């Protein structure tokens, strides 16, 4: 029987798939965290935007609308990154 080689133990054999999934786990968790934070920020901005509209503060409403547009852009960018990542060969 061959001895285990530290360089190949996680790239071939039964541990290869687990190793690849482990490498994806960290970035996926961080990506999920960033999306969750963006959702929280968007909800807060939406509240502030609606308050500015109720108070007839056009300057503040415009600032909040711009910030909401940035949040929506983050979603579009996130989807584009995911599509590119999913298209990469495994």
Protein backbone atom coordinates (compact mmCIF):
# COMPACT_ATOMS: atom_id res chain seq x y z
CA UNK A 1 0.00 0.00 0.00
CA UNK A 2 1.20 3.47 -0.85
CA UNK A 3 1.90 5.88 1.95
CA UNK A 4 -0.23 9.02 2.19
CA UNK A 5 1.28 12.06 0.59
CA UNK A 6 0.36 15.34 2.29
CA UNK A 7 0.36 17.15 -1.06
CA UNK A 8 -2.26 14.91 -2.70
CA UNK A 9 -4.44 13.68 0.16
CA UNK A 10 -6.96 16.50 -0.37
CA UNK A 11 -6.75 16.71 -4.16
CA UNK A 12 -7.40 13.07 -5.09
CA UNK A 13 -9.45 10.31 -3.58
CA UNK A 14 -12.35 10.50 -1.15
CA UNK A 15 -11.27 13.79 0.41
CA UNK A 16 -11.03 15.74 -2.85
CA UNK A 17 -14.75 16.61 -3.01
CA UNK A 18 -14.89 17.49 0.67
CA UNK A 19 -11.82 19.69 0.28
CA UNK A 20 -13.33 21.54 -2.68
CA UNK A 21 -16.59 22.10 -0.80
CA UNK A 22 -14.70 23.36 2.23
CA UNK A 23 -12.88 25.90 0.08
CA UNK A 24 -16.25 27.19 -1.16
CA UNK A 25 -17.83 27.30 2.30
CA UNK A 26 -15.96 30.31 3.70
CA UNK A 27 -16.56 32.65 0.77
CA UNK A 28 -20.20 31.52 0.57
CA UNK A 29 -20.76 32.32 4.24
CA UNK A 30 -19.15 35.75 3.85
CA UNK A 31 -21.17 36.45 0.70
CA UNK A 32 -24.37 35.52 2.56
CA UNK A 33 -23.39 37.87 5.39
CA UNK A 34 -22.80 40.74 2.97
CA UNK A 35 -26.17 40.20 1.28
CA UNK A 36 -27.89 40.11 4.68
CA UNK A 37 -26.20 43.37 5.71
CA UNK A 38 -27.25 44.96 2.43
CA UNK A 39 -30.86 43.92 3.07
CA UNK A 40 -30.78 45.50 6.55
CA UNK A 41 -29.27 48.69 5.17
CA UNK A 42 -31.85 48.83 2.38
CA UNK A 43 -34.73 48.43 4.85
CA UNK A 44 -33.37 51.24 7.01
CA UNK A 45 -32.81 53.50 4.00
CA UNK A 46 -36.33 52.83 2.73
CA UNK A 47 -37.76 53.92 6.10
CA UNK A 48 -35.64 57.08 6.07
CA UNK A 49 -36.61 57.78 2.46
CA UNK A 50 -40.32 57.51 3.26
CA UNK A 51 -39.90 59.78 6.30
CA UNK A 52 -38.12 62.35 4.16
CA UNK A 53 -40.98 62.26 1.66
CA UNK A 54 -43.54 62.70 4.46
CA UNK A 55 -41.57 65.67 5.80
CA UNK A 56 -41.28 67.19 2.32
CA UNK A 57 -37.49 67.17 2.59
CA UNK A 58 -36.63 66.82 -1.08
CA UNK A 59 -32.87 67.01 -0.61
CA UNK A 60 -32.82 64.24 1.99
CA UNK A 61 -35.27 62.15 -0.05
CA UNK A 62 -33.01 62.43 -3.09
CA UNK A 63 -29.98 61.39 -1.02
CA UNK A 64 -31.83 58.39 0.39
CA UNK A 65 -33.15 57.45 -3.09
CA UNK A 66 -29.57 57.48 -4.40
CA UNK A 67 -28.46 55.26 -1.53
CA UNK A 68 -31.34 52.87 -2.27
CA UNK A 69 -30.25 52.75 -5.90
CA UNK A 70 -26.76 51.75 -4.75
CA UNK A 71 -28.26 48.92 -2.67
CA UNK A 72 -30.19 47.69 -5.68
CA UNK A 73 -26.98 47.87 -7.71
CA UNK A 74 -25.30 45.65 -5.14
CA UNK A 75 -27.99 43.02 -5.76
CA UNK A 76 -27.46 43.20 -9.51
CA UNK A 77 -23.71 42.93 -9.08
CA UNK A 78 -24.10 40.00 -6.69
CA UNK A 79 -26.27 38.14 -9.16
CA UNK A 80 -23.78 38.77 -11.95
CA UNK A 81 -20.92 37.45 -9.81
CA UNK A 82 -22.92 34.35 -8.91
CA UNK A 83 -23.77 33.69 -12.55
CA UNK A 84 -20.11 34.01 -13.55
CA UNK A 85 -19.02 31.79 -10.65
CA UNK A 86 -21.61 29.14 -11.49
CA UNK A 87 -20.47 29.15 -15.13
CA UNK A 88 -16.85 28.40 -14.19
CA UNK A 89 -15.79 24.80 -14.70
CA UNK A 90 -15.47 22.85 -11.46
